[in-house]
PDB file of N, CA and C in Angstrom:
ATOM      1  N   MET A   1       0.763  -0.781   0.286  1.00  0.00           N
ATOM      2  CA  MET A   1       0.382  -0.024  -0.091  1.00  0.00           C
ATOM      3  C   MET A   1       0.542   1.442   0.070  1.00  0.00           C
ATOM      4  N   ASP A   2       0.543   1.735  -1.056  1.00  0.00           N
ATOM      5  CA  ASP A   2       1.035   2.871  -0.588  1.00  0.00           C
ATOM      6  C   ASP A   2       0.691   3.884   0.237  1.00  0.00           C
ATOM      7  N   GLU A   3       1.473   5.412   0.651  1.00  0.00           N
ATOM      8  CA  GLU A   3       1.339   6.782   1.088  1.00  0.00           C
ATOM      9  C   GLU A   3      -0.119   7.110   1.284  1.00  0.00           C
ATOM     10  N   ARG A   4      -0.581   6.914   0.589  1.00  0.00           N
ATOM     11  CA  ARG A   4      -1.694   7.660   0.147  1.00  0.00           C
ATOM     12  C   ARG A   4      -3.275   5.918   0.281  1.00  0.00           C
ATOM     13  N   GLY A   5      -3.130   4.987   0.548  1.00  0.00           N
ATOM     14  CA  GLY A   5      -3.745   3.660   0.672  1.00  0.00           C
ATOM     15  C   GLY A   5      -3.677   3.467  -0.076  1.00  0.00           C
ATOM     16  N   GLY A   6      -3.503   3.400  -1.925  1.00  0.00           N
ATOM     17  CA  GLY A   6      -3.215   2.903  -3.454  1.00  0.00           C
ATOM     18  C   GLY A   6      -2.658   2.040  -3.087  1.00  0.00           C
ATOM     19  N   ILE A   7      -3.226   0.976  -3.501  1.00  0.00           N
ATOM     20  CA  ILE A   7      -2.598  -0.485  -3.819  1.00  0.00           C
ATOM     21  C   ILE A   7      -2.294  -0.555  -5.632  1.00  0.00           C
ATOM     22  N   GLY A   8      -3.032   0.580  -6.670  1.00  0.00           N
ATOM     23  CA  GLY A   8      -2.851  -0.288  -8.038  1.00  0.00           C
ATOM     24  C   GLY A   8      -2.967   1.230  -8.547  1.00  0.00           C
ATOM     25  N   ARG A   9      -2.176   1.153  -9.644  1.00  0.00           N
ATOM     26  CA  ARG A   9      -2.231   3.252 -10.462  1.00  0.00           C
ATOM     27  C   ARG A   9      -2.570   2.392 -11.974  1.00  0.00           C
ATOM     28  N   ASP A  10      -3.188   2.617 -12.926  1.00  0.00           N
ATOM     29  CA  ASP A  10      -3.465   2.712 -14.231  1.00  0.00           C
ATOM     30  C   ASP A  10      -3.402   1.062 -14.098  1.00  0.00           C
ATOM     31  N   ASN A  11      -4.588   0.315 -12.986  1.00  0.00           N
ATOM     32  CA  ASN A  11      -4.165  -0.803 -13.795  1.00  0.00           C
ATOM     33  C   ASN A  11      -2.665  -2.257 -13.408  1.00  0.00           C
ATOM     34  N   ARG A  12      -2.337  -1.472 -12.672  1.00  0.00           N
ATOM     35  CA  ARG A  12      -0.784  -2.126 -12.476  1.00  0.00           C
ATOM     36  C   ARG A  12      -0.431  -1.767 -11.623  1.00  0.00           C
ATOM     37  N   LEU A  13       0.654  -3.047 -10.319  1.00  0.00           N
ATOM     38  CA  LEU A  13       0.525  -2.310  -9.181  1.00  0.00           C
ATOM     39  C   LEU A  13       2.123  -0.845  -9.185  1.00  0.00           C
ATOM     40  N   PRO A  14       1.414   0.004  -8.398  1.00  0.00           N
ATOM     41  CA  PRO A  14       2.330   1.119  -8.486  1.00  0.00           C
ATOM     42  C   PRO A  14       4.276   0.868  -7.899  1.00  0.00           C
ATOM     43  N   TRP A  15       4.377  -0.452  -8.174  1.00  0.00           N
ATOM     44  CA  TRP A  15       5.859  -0.709  -7.700  1.00  0.00           C
ATOM     45  C   TRP A  15       6.255  -1.942  -7.798  1.00  0.00           C
ATOM     46  N   HIS A  16       7.405  -2.351  -8.186  1.00  0.00           N
ATOM     47  CA  HIS A  16       7.421  -3.793  -8.505  1.00  0.00           C
ATOM     48  C   HIS A  16       9.106  -4.115  -7.189  1.00  0.00           C
ATOM     49  N   LEU A  17       8.628  -5.111  -7.069  1.00  0.00           N
ATOM     50  CA  LEU A  17       9.441  -5.872  -5.762  1.00  0.00           C
ATOM     51  C   LEU A  17       9.169  -7.534  -5.787  1.00  0.00           C
ATOM     52  N   SER A  18      10.655  -7.508  -6.584  1.00  0.00           N
ATOM     53  CA  SER A  18      10.726  -9.521  -6.655  1.00  0.00           C
ATOM     54  C   SER A  18      10.322 -10.152  -5.901  1.00  0.00           C
ATOM     55  N   ALA A  19      11.323  -9.925  -4.734  1.00  0.00           N
ATOM     56  CA  ALA A  19      10.812 -10.813  -3.624  1.00  0.00           C
ATOM     57  C   ALA A  19       9.360 -10.838  -3.306  1.00  0.00           C
ATOM     58  N   ASP A  20       9.114  -9.992  -3.329  1.00  0.00           N
ATOM     59  CA  ASP A  20       7.241  -9.791  -2.996  1.00  0.00           C
ATOM     60  C   ASP A  20       6.413 -10.872  -3.882  1.00  0.00           C
ATOM     61  N   LEU A  21       6.614 -10.514  -5.347  1.00  0.00           N
ATOM     62  CA  LEU A  21       5.759 -11.041  -6.433  1.00  0.00           C
ATOM     63  C   LEU A  21       6.194 -12.747  -5.820  1.00  0.00           C
ATOM     64  N   LYS A  22       8.224 -13.093  -5.662  1.00  0.00           N
ATOM     65  CA  LYS A  22       8.407 -14.634  -5.363  1.00  0.00           C
ATOM     66  C   LYS A  22       7.320 -15.335  -4.648  1.00  0.00           C
ATOM     67  N   ARG A  23       7.288 -13.796  -3.292  1.00  0.00           N
ATOM     68  CA  ARG A  23       6.200 -15.027  -2.009  1.00  0.00           C
ATOM     69  C   ARG A  23       4.832 -15.219  -2.430  1.00  0.00           C
ATOM     70  N   PHE A  24       4.222 -14.350  -3.120  1.00  0.00           N
ATOM     71  CA  PHE A  24       2.929 -14.364  -3.282  1.00  0.00           C
ATOM     72  C   PHE A  24       2.541 -15.583  -3.947  1.00  0.00           C
ATOM     73  N   LYS A  25       3.637 -15.749  -4.876  1.00  0.00           N
ATOM     74  CA  LYS A  25       3.803 -17.185  -6.006  1.00  0.00           C
ATOM     75  C   LYS A  25       3.833 -18.571  -5.161  1.00  0.00           C
ATOM     76  N   THR A  26       4.843 -18.791  -4.404  1.00  0.00           N
ATOM     77  CA  THR A  26       5.053 -19.119  -3.607  1.00  0.00           C
ATOM     78  C   THR A  26       3.792 -19.783  -2.902  1.00  0.00           C
ATOM     79  N   LEU A  27       2.682 -18.637  -2.715  1.00  0.00           N
ATOM     80  CA  LEU A  27       1.616 -18.416  -1.467  1.00  0.00           C
ATOM     81  C   LEU A  27       0.628 -18.866  -1.357  1.00  0.00           C
ATOM     82  N   THR A  28       0.913 -18.943  -3.587  1.00  0.00           N
ATOM     83  CA  THR A  28      -0.798 -18.721  -4.064  1.00  0.00           C
ATOM     84  C   THR A  28      -0.445 -20.592  -5.062  1.00  0.00           C
ATOM     85  N   MET A  29       0.872 -20.932  -5.274  1.00  0.00           N
ATOM     86  CA  MET A  29       0.945 -22.833  -5.911  1.00  0.00           C
ATOM     87  C   MET A  29       0.322 -23.708  -5.619  1.00  0.00           C
ATOM     88  N   GLY A  30      -0.899 -23.899  -6.317  1.00  0.00           N
ATOM     89  CA  GLY A  30      -1.753 -24.872  -5.955  1.00  0.00           C
ATOM     90  C   GLY A  30      -2.684 -24.721  -4.975  1.00  0.00           C
ATOM     91  N   HIS A  31      -2.713 -23.436  -5.280  1.00  0.00           N
ATOM     92  CA  HIS A  31      -4.743 -23.251  -3.524  1.00  0.00           C
ATOM     93  C   HIS A  31      -4.921 -22.573  -4.876  1.00  0.00           C
ATOM     94  N   CYS A  32      -6.601 -22.229  -4.655  1.00  0.00           N
ATOM     95  CA  CYS A  32      -7.347 -21.116  -5.275  1.00  0.00           C
ATOM     96  C   CYS A  32      -7.077 -19.921  -4.880  1.00  0.00           C
ATOM     97  N   ALA A  33      -7.519 -18.854  -6.308  1.00  0.00           N
ATOM     98  CA  ALA A  33      -7.156 -17.250  -5.876  1.00  0.00           C
ATOM     99  C   ALA A  33      -8.313 -16.988  -6.208  1.00  0.00           C
ATOM    100  N   LEU A  34      -8.623 -16.293  -5.332  1.00  0.00           N
ATOM    101  CA  LEU A  34      -9.812 -14.925  -5.123  1.00  0.00           C
ATOM    102  C   LEU A  34      -9.503 -13.558  -6.028  1.00  0.00           C
ATOM    103  N   MET A  35     -10.149 -13.097  -7.464  1.00  0.00           N
ATOM    104  CA  MET A  35      -9.937 -11.318  -7.725  1.00  0.00           C
ATOM    105  C   MET A  35     -10.890 -10.958  -8.352  1.00  0.00           C
ATOM    106  N   GLY A  36     -10.599  -9.708  -8.555  1.00  0.00           N
ATOM    107  CA  GLY A  36     -12.044  -9.191  -9.315  1.00  0.00           C
ATOM    108  C   GLY A  36     -11.133  -9.322 -10.706  1.00  0.00           C
ATOM    109  N   ARG A  37     -12.404  -8.652 -11.874  1.00  0.00           N
ATOM    110  CA  ARG A  37     -12.129  -8.475 -13.166  1.00  0.00           C
ATOM    111  C   ARG A  37     -11.076  -7.952 -13.511  1.00  0.00           C
ATOM    112  N   LYS A  38     -10.436  -6.956 -12.724  1.00  0.00           N
ATOM    113  CA  LYS A  38      -9.606  -5.857 -13.791  1.00  0.00           C
ATOM    114  C   LYS A  38      -8.441  -6.277 -13.196  1.00  0.00           C
ATOM    115  N   THR A  39      -7.994  -7.431 -11.891  1.00  0.00           N
ATOM    116  CA  THR A  39      -6.420  -8.102 -11.699  1.00  0.00           C
ATOM    117  C   THR A  39      -6.602  -9.119 -12.698  1.00  0.00           C
ATOM    118  N   TYR A  40      -8.204  -9.963 -12.329  1.00  0.00           N
ATOM    119  CA  TYR A  40      -7.196 -10.772 -13.588  1.00  0.00           C
ATOM    120  C   TYR A  40      -7.347 -10.560 -15.436  1.00  0.00           C
ATOM    121  N   GLU A  41      -7.636  -9.404 -15.696  1.00  0.00           N
ATOM    122  CA  GLU A  41      -7.715  -9.145 -16.807  1.00  0.00           C
ATOM    123  C   GLU A  41      -5.840  -8.024 -17.150  1.00  0.00           C
ATOM    124  N   VAL A  42      -5.290  -8.181 -16.037  1.00  0.00           N
ATOM    125  CA  VAL A  42      -3.865  -7.743 -15.644  1.00  0.00           C
ATOM    126  C   VAL A  42      -3.308  -9.086 -15.723  1.00  0.00           C
ATOM    127  N   ALA A  43      -3.307  -9.933 -15.107  1.00  0.00           N
ATOM    128  CA  ALA A  43      -2.852 -11.846 -15.059  1.00  0.00           C
ATOM    129  C   ALA A  43      -3.460 -12.194 -16.443  1.00  0.00           C
ATOM    130  N   VAL A  44      -4.038 -11.905 -16.781  1.00  0.00           N
ATOM    131  CA  VAL A  44      -3.921 -12.450 -19.015  1.00  0.00           C
ATOM    132  C   VAL A  44      -3.376 -11.497 -19.402  1.00  0.00           C
ATOM    133  N   ARG A  45      -3.456 -10.143 -19.576  1.00  0.00           N
ATOM    134  CA  ARG A  45      -2.513  -9.869 -20.157  1.00  0.00           C
ATOM    135  C   ARG A  45      -1.010  -9.604 -20.301  1.00  0.00           C
ATOM    136  N   SER A  46      -0.372  -9.960 -18.869  1.00  0.00           N
ATOM    137  CA  SER A  46       1.014 -10.587 -18.641  1.00  0.00           C
ATOM    138  C   SER A  46       1.405 -11.587 -19.050  1.00  0.00           C
ATOM    139  N   GLY A  47       0.975 -12.398 -19.417  1.00  0.00           N
ATOM    140  CA  GLY A  47       0.526 -14.038 -20.448  1.00  0.00           C
ATOM    141  C   GLY A  47       0.486 -15.434 -19.587  1.00  0.00           C
ATOM    142  N   GLY A  48      -0.396 -14.981 -18.314  1.00  0.00           N
ATOM    143  CA  GLY A  48      -0.046 -16.250 -17.800  1.00  0.00           C
ATOM    144  C   GLY A  48      -1.789 -16.907 -17.750  1.00  0.00           C
ATOM    145  N   GLY A  49      -2.887 -15.849 -18.406  1.00  0.00           N
ATOM    146  CA  GLY A  49      -3.868 -16.733 -18.404  1.00  0.00           C
ATOM    147  C   GLY A  49      -4.851 -16.316 -16.659  1.00  0.00           C
ATOM    148  N   GLY A  50      -3.933 -15.577 -16.061  1.00  0.00           N
ATOM    149  CA  GLY A  50      -4.395 -16.004 -14.429  1.00  0.00           C
ATOM    150  C   GLY A  50      -3.238 -16.431 -13.719  1.00  0.00           C
ATOM    151  N   TYR A  51      -3.279 -16.721 -12.297  1.00  0.00           N
ATOM    152  CA  TYR A  51      -2.121 -16.787 -11.496  1.00  0.00           C
ATOM    153  C   TYR A  51      -2.240 -18.556 -11.452  1.00  0.00           C
ATOM    154  N   PRO A  52      -0.616 -18.490 -11.538  1.00  0.00           N
ATOM    155  CA  PRO A  52      -0.536 -20.279 -11.026  1.00  0.00           C
ATOM    156  C   PRO A  52      -1.678 -20.898  -9.940  1.00  0.00           C
ATOM    157  N   ALA A  53      -2.494 -20.840 -10.250  1.00  0.00           N
ATOM    158  CA  ALA A  53      -3.220 -21.174  -9.253  1.00  0.00           C
ATOM    159  C   ALA A  53      -3.784 -23.005  -9.482  1.00  0.00           C
ATOM    160  N   VAL A  54      -4.338 -23.210  -8.478  1.00  0.00           N
ATOM    161  CA  VAL A  54      -5.485 -24.560  -8.890  1.00  0.00           C
ATOM    162  C   VAL A  54      -6.090 -24.380  -9.623  1.00  0.00           C
ATOM    163  N   LYS A  55      -7.181 -22.911  -9.221  1.00  0.00           N
ATOM    164  CA  LYS A  55      -8.757 -22.852  -9.503  1.00  0.00           C
ATOM    165  C   LYS A  55      -8.315 -20.762  -9.490  1.00  0.00           C
ATOM    166  N   ASN A  56      -8.579 -19.969 -10.895  1.00  0.00           N
ATOM    167  CA  ASN A  56      -8.628 -18.424 -10.447  1.00  0.00           C
ATOM    168  C   ASN A  56     -10.264 -18.186 -10.448  1.00  0.00           C
ATOM    169  N   TYR A  57     -10.585 -17.592  -9.231  1.00  0.00           N
ATOM    170  CA  TYR A  57     -12.004 -17.423  -9.231  1.00  0.00           C
ATOM    171  C   TYR A  57     -12.411 -15.948  -9.319  1.00  0.00           C
ATOM    172  N   VAL A  58     -12.393 -15.103 -10.251  1.00  0.00           N
ATOM    173  CA  VAL A  58     -12.467 -13.866 -10.675  1.00  0.00           C
ATOM    174  C   VAL A  58     -14.405 -13.322 -10.111  1.00  0.00           C
ATOM    175  N   PHE A  59     -14.555 -12.634  -9.752  1.00  0.00           N
ATOM    176  CA  PHE A  59     -15.825 -11.635  -9.702  1.00  0.00           C
ATOM    177  C   PHE A  59     -15.792 -10.753 -10.234  1.00  0.00           C
ATOM    178  N   SER A  60     -17.212 -10.321 -11.658  1.00  0.00           N
ATOM    179  CA  SER A  60     -17.680  -9.532 -12.237  1.00  0.00           C
ATOM    180  C   SER A  60     -18.770  -9.613 -12.519  1.00  0.00           C
ATOM    181  N   ARG A  61     -19.235  -8.259 -13.056  1.00  0.00           N
ATOM    182  CA  ARG A  61     -20.347  -8.269 -13.436  1.00  0.00           C
ATOM    183  C   ARG A  61     -21.053  -8.002 -14.629  1.00  0.00           C
ATOM    184  N   THR A  62     -19.436  -8.017 -15.470  1.00  0.00           N
ATOM    185  CA  THR A  62     -20.017  -7.513 -16.407  1.00  0.00           C
ATOM    186  C   THR A  62     -19.242  -9.036 -17.416  1.00  0.00           C
ATOM    187  N   VAL A  63     -18.110  -9.473 -16.713  1.00  0.00           N
ATOM    188  CA  VAL A  63     -17.628 -10.731 -17.462  1.00  0.00           C
ATOM    189  C   VAL A  63     -18.712 -11.894 -17.182  1.00  0.00           C
ATOM    190  N   THR A  64     -19.283 -12.418 -17.876  1.00  0.00           N
ATOM    191  CA  THR A  64     -19.891 -14.100 -17.824  1.00  0.00           C
ATOM    192  C   THR A  64     -18.818 -15.420 -18.024  1.00  0.00           C
ATOM    193  N   GLN A  65     -18.498 -15.341 -18.979  1.00  0.00           N
ATOM    194  CA  GLN A  65     -17.545 -16.273 -18.978  1.00  0.00           C
ATOM    195  C   GLN A  65     -15.996 -16.221 -19.459  1.00  0.00           C
ATOM    196  N   VAL A  66     -15.323 -16.964 -19.286  1.00  0.00           N
ATOM    197  CA  VAL A  66     -14.049 -16.681 -20.396  1.00  0.00           C
ATOM    198  C   VAL A  66     -14.059 -18.243 -20.742  1.00  0.00           C
ATOM    199  N   ASP A  67     -12.354 -18.678 -21.673  1.00  0.00           N
ATOM    200  CA  ASP A  67     -11.925 -19.738 -22.443  1.00  0.00           C
ATOM    201  C   ASP A  67     -11.039 -20.172 -21.336  1.00  0.00           C
ATOM    202  N   ASN A  68     -11.097 -20.759 -20.165  1.00  0.00           N
ATOM    203  CA  ASN A  68     -10.225 -21.252 -19.794  1.00  0.00           C
ATOM    204  C   ASN A  68     -10.608 -21.736 -18.247  1.00  0.00           C
ATOM    205  N   PRO A  69     -10.329 -23.582 -18.976  1.00  0.00           N
ATOM    206  CA  PRO A  69     -10.884 -24.271 -17.490  1.00  0.00           C
ATOM    207  C   PRO A  69     -10.184 -24.066 -15.939  1.00  0.00           C
ATOM    208  N   LYS A  70      -9.312 -23.192 -15.796  1.00  0.00           N
ATOM    209  CA  LYS A  70      -8.787 -22.929 -14.529  1.00  0.00           C
ATOM    210  C   LYS A  70      -9.289 -21.459 -13.693  1.00  0.00           C
ATOM    211  N   VAL A  71     -10.377 -21.544 -14.662  1.00  0.00           N
ATOM    212  CA  VAL A  71     -11.070 -19.941 -14.213  1.00  0.00           C
ATOM    213  C   VAL A  71     -12.671 -20.188 -13.925  1.00  0.00           C
ATOM    214  N   GLU A  72     -13.191 -19.496 -13.227  1.00  0.00           N
ATOM    215  CA  GLU A  72     -14.784 -19.917 -12.543  1.00  0.00           C
ATOM    216  C   GLU A  72     -15.109 -18.193 -12.660  1.00  0.00           C
ATOM    217  N   ILE A  73     -16.101 -17.095 -12.911  1.00  0.00           N
ATOM    218  CA  ILE A  73     -16.549 -15.963 -12.826  1.00  0.00           C
ATOM    219  C   ILE A  73     -17.793 -16.009 -11.953  1.00  0.00           C
ATOM    220  N   ILE A  74     -17.742 -15.254 -11.612  1.00  0.00           N
ATOM    221  CA  ILE A  74     -18.760 -15.232  -9.806  1.00  0.00           C
ATOM    222  C   ILE A  74     -19.263 -14.173 -10.268  1.00  0.00           C
ATOM    223  N   ALA A  75     -20.360 -14.211 -10.606  1.00  0.00           N
ATOM    224  CA  ALA A  75     -20.955 -12.763 -10.641  1.00  0.00           C
ATOM    225  C   ALA A  75     -22.225 -12.373  -9.731  1.00  0.00           C
ATOM    226  N   ASP A  76     -22.450 -12.821  -8.441  1.00  0.00           N
ATOM    227  CA  ASP A  76     -23.018 -12.584  -7.394  1.00  0.00           C
ATOM    228  C   ASP A  76     -22.277 -13.376  -5.931  1.00  0.00           C
ATOM    229  N   ASP A  77     -22.197 -12.451  -5.336  1.00  0.00           N
ATOM    230  CA  ASP A  77     -20.923 -12.204  -4.165  1.00  0.00           C
ATOM    231  C   ASP A  77     -22.049 -13.509  -2.970  1.00  0.00           C
ATOM    232  N   ALA A  78     -23.182 -13.463  -3.284  1.00  0.00           N
ATOM    233  CA  ALA A  78     -23.614 -14.674  -2.476  1.00  0.00           C
ATOM    234  C   ALA A  78     -23.089 -16.438  -2.666  1.00  0.00           C
ATOM    235  N   ALA A  79     -23.068 -16.141  -4.530  1.00  0.00           N
ATOM    236  CA  ALA A  79     -22.999 -17.780  -5.307  1.00  0.00           C
ATOM    237  C   ALA A  79     -21.129 -18.048  -5.104  1.00  0.00           C
ATOM    238  N   ALA A  80     -20.323 -17.090  -4.337  1.00  0.00           N
ATOM    239  CA  ALA A  80     -19.109 -17.382  -3.720  1.00  0.00           C
ATOM    240  C   ALA A  80     -19.418 -18.280  -2.452  1.00  0.00           C
ATOM    241  N   PHE A  81     -19.781 -18.325  -2.133  1.00  0.00           N
ATOM    242  CA  PHE A  81     -20.036 -18.526  -0.236  1.00  0.00           C
ATOM    243  C   PHE A  81     -21.177 -19.640  -0.218  1.00  0.00           C
TER     244      PHE A  81
END
């Protein structure tokens, strides 16, 4: 988080901390990942099709489906739980 409470800028992290990214990958590998649509779109743009998790759950009211078996779109908060 930056000094103004921000966690992103222009759909990117406002910093690049290699050790932090490696730790995130280690912690999420083999588990599910929950994210919003914009985070998922950034992950796809970076070439991975999502995070290296067993399953990626994407909360979105606008996207209804994606062509990736490791991704499930959740349109309703209640459906997630």
